[in-house]
Amino acid sequence: MPYVIAEPCIGTKDASCVEVCPVDCIYEADAQYYINPDECIDCGACEPECPVQAIFPDTDVPPEWTDYIAKNRELSGI
């Protein structure tokens, strides 16, 4: 279950999550950070570091942001 960065990241782009990721699977896009789902090891280190609570396990993304599951995958080039 990879983690997903959703809409609250847009406009904030705080890099706290990037700094704690042990496998460097969080990347910067124009409007937000995103997690490469093929590289994520599901450790959860990033989730508590997000100041805007934008990071969720892909099975727990709030309904209004489920499109960010595909968006993270698209931004990863997968």
C-alpha atoms as a PDB file:
ATOM      1  CA  MET A   1       0.000   0.000   0.000  1.00  0.00           C
ATOM      2  CA  PRO A   2       2.036   2.983  -1.201  1.00  0.00           C
ATOM      3  CA  TYR A   3       1.421   6.419   0.177  1.00  0.00           C
ATOM      4  CA  VAL A   4      -0.179   9.231  -1.840  1.00  0.00           C
ATOM      5  CA  ILE A   5       0.206  13.002  -1.628  1.00  0.00           C
ATOM      6  CA  ALA A   6      -3.123  14.754  -2.156  1.00  0.00           C
ATOM      7  CA  GLU A   7      -4.485  18.254  -2.748  1.00  0.00           C
ATOM      8  CA  PRO A   8      -3.478  19.933   0.546  1.00  0.00           C
ATOM      9  CA  CYS A   9       0.135  19.876  -0.679  1.00  0.00           C
ATOM     10  CA  ILE A  10      -0.697  22.219  -3.550  1.00  0.00           C
ATOM     11  CA  GLY A  11       0.487  25.694  -2.695  1.00  0.00           C
ATOM     12  CA  THR A  12       2.371  24.494   0.387  1.00  0.00           C
ATOM     13  CA  LYS A  13       5.059  22.163  -0.955  1.00  0.00           C
ATOM     14  CA  ASP A  14       6.779  21.737   2.408  1.00  0.00           C
ATOM     15  CA  ALA A  15       9.758  19.410   1.954  1.00  0.00           C
ATOM     16  CA  SER A  16       9.585  17.836   5.426  1.00  0.00           C
ATOM     17  CA  CYS A  17       8.346  14.589   3.901  1.00  0.00           C
ATOM     18  CA  VAL A  18      11.229  14.475   1.443  1.00  0.00           C
ATOM     19  CA  GLU A  19      13.803  14.828   4.208  1.00  0.00           C
ATOM     20  CA  VAL A  20      12.556  11.782   6.164  1.00  0.00           C
ATOM     21  CA  CYS A  21      11.956   9.387   3.273  1.00  0.00           C
ATOM     22  CA  PRO A  22      14.510   6.565   3.611  1.00  0.00           C
ATOM     23  CA  VAL A  23      14.260   5.548  -0.066  1.00  0.00           C
ATOM     24  CA  ASP A  24      13.977   8.994  -1.691  1.00  0.00           C
ATOM     25  CA  CYS A  25      10.701   8.196  -3.472  1.00  0.00           C
ATOM     26  CA  ILE A  26       9.160  11.665  -3.013  1.00  0.00           C
ATOM     27  CA  TYR A  27       9.671  14.062  -5.898  1.00  0.00           C
ATOM     28  CA  GLU A  28       8.788  17.666  -6.657  1.00  0.00           C
ATOM     29  CA  ALA A  29       6.376  18.592  -9.443  1.00  0.00           C
ATOM     30  CA  ASP A  30       5.209  22.071 -10.434  1.00  0.00           C
ATOM     31  CA  ALA A  31       2.306  22.326  -8.004  1.00  0.00           C
ATOM     32  CA  GLN A  32       3.030  19.653  -5.402  1.00  0.00           C
ATOM     33  CA  TYR A  33       5.236  16.808  -4.258  1.00  0.00           C
ATOM     34  CA  TYR A  34       4.328  13.280  -5.292  1.00  0.00           C
ATOM     35  CA  ILE A  35       5.278   9.757  -4.261  1.00  0.00           C
ATOM     36  CA  ASN A  36       6.426   7.207  -6.815  1.00  0.00           C
ATOM     37  CA  PRO A  37       4.262   4.194  -5.898  1.00  0.00           C
ATOM     38  CA  ASP A  38       6.758   1.704  -7.325  1.00  0.00           C
ATOM     39  CA  GLU A  39       9.538   3.035  -5.108  1.00  0.00           C
ATOM     40  CA  CYS A  40       7.550   3.576  -1.889  1.00  0.00           C
ATOM     41  CA  ILE A  41       8.289   0.929   0.753  1.00  0.00           C
ATOM     42  CA  ASP A  42       5.210   1.794   2.837  1.00  0.00           C
ATOM     43  CA  CYS A  43       7.243   2.793   5.886  1.00  0.00           C
ATOM     44  CA  GLY A  44       4.935   5.718   6.744  1.00  0.00           C
ATOM     45  CA  ALA A  45       7.777   8.041   7.796  1.00  0.00           C
ATOM     46  CA  CYS A  46       6.455  10.840   5.584  1.00  0.00           C
ATOM     47  CA  GLU A  47       2.864  10.945   6.825  1.00  0.00           C
ATOM     48  CA  PRO A  48       3.410  12.506  10.290  1.00  0.00           C
ATOM     49  CA  GLU A  49       5.912  15.023   8.872  1.00  0.00           C
ATOM     50  CA  CYS A  50       3.412  16.695   6.522  1.00  0.00           C
ATOM     51  CA  PRO A  51       2.298  20.006   8.060  1.00  0.00           C
ATOM     52  CA  VAL A  52      -0.922  20.080   5.998  1.00  0.00           C
ATOM     53  CA  GLN A  53      -1.883  16.400   6.355  1.00  0.00           C
ATOM     54  CA  ALA A  54      -1.711  15.719   2.624  1.00  0.00           C
ATOM     55  CA  ILE A  55      -0.181  12.220   2.810  1.00  0.00           C
ATOM     56  CA  PHE A  56      -2.314   9.086   3.041  1.00  0.00           C
ATOM     57  CA  PRO A  57      -1.963   5.347   2.477  1.00  0.00           C
ATOM     58  CA  ASP A  58      -3.536   4.712  -0.938  1.00  0.00           C
ATOM     59  CA  THR A  59      -6.343   2.755   0.764  1.00  0.00           C
ATOM     60  CA  ASP A  60      -7.210   5.677   3.086  1.00  0.00           C
ATOM     61  CA  VAL A  61      -7.260   8.659   0.721  1.00  0.00           C
ATOM     62  CA  PRO A  62     -10.385  10.734   1.459  1.00  0.00           C
ATOM     63  CA  PRO A  63     -13.072  10.306  -1.233  1.00  0.00           C
ATOM     64  CA  GLU A  64     -12.712  13.859  -2.523  1.00  0.00           C
ATOM     65  CA  TRP A  65      -9.021  13.239  -3.313  1.00  0.00           C
ATOM     66  CA  THR A  66      -8.982   9.698  -4.723  1.00  0.00           C
ATOM     67  CA  ASP A  67      -7.984  11.084  -8.125  1.00  0.00           C
ATOM     68  CA  TYR A  68      -4.600  11.867  -6.543  1.00  0.00           C
ATOM     69  CA  ILE A  69      -3.833   8.139  -6.477  1.00  0.00           C
ATOM     70  CA  ALA A  70      -3.694   8.204 -10.276  1.00  0.00           C
ATOM     71  CA  LYS A  71      -2.085  11.653 -10.299  1.00  0.00           C
ATOM     72  CA  ASN A  72       0.883  10.429  -8.197  1.00  0.00           C
ATOM     73  CA  ARG A  73       1.277   7.507 -10.593  1.00  0.00           C
ATOM     74  CA  GLU A  74       1.069   9.805 -13.647  1.00  0.00           C
ATOM     75  CA  LEU A  75       3.588  12.268 -12.219  1.00  0.00           C
ATOM     76  CA  SER A  76       5.902   9.304 -11.638  1.00  0.00           C
ATOM     77  CA  GLY A  77       5.734   8.473 -15.329  1.00  0.00           C
ATOM     78  CA  ILE A  78       4.220   5.056 -14.647  1.00  0.00           C
END
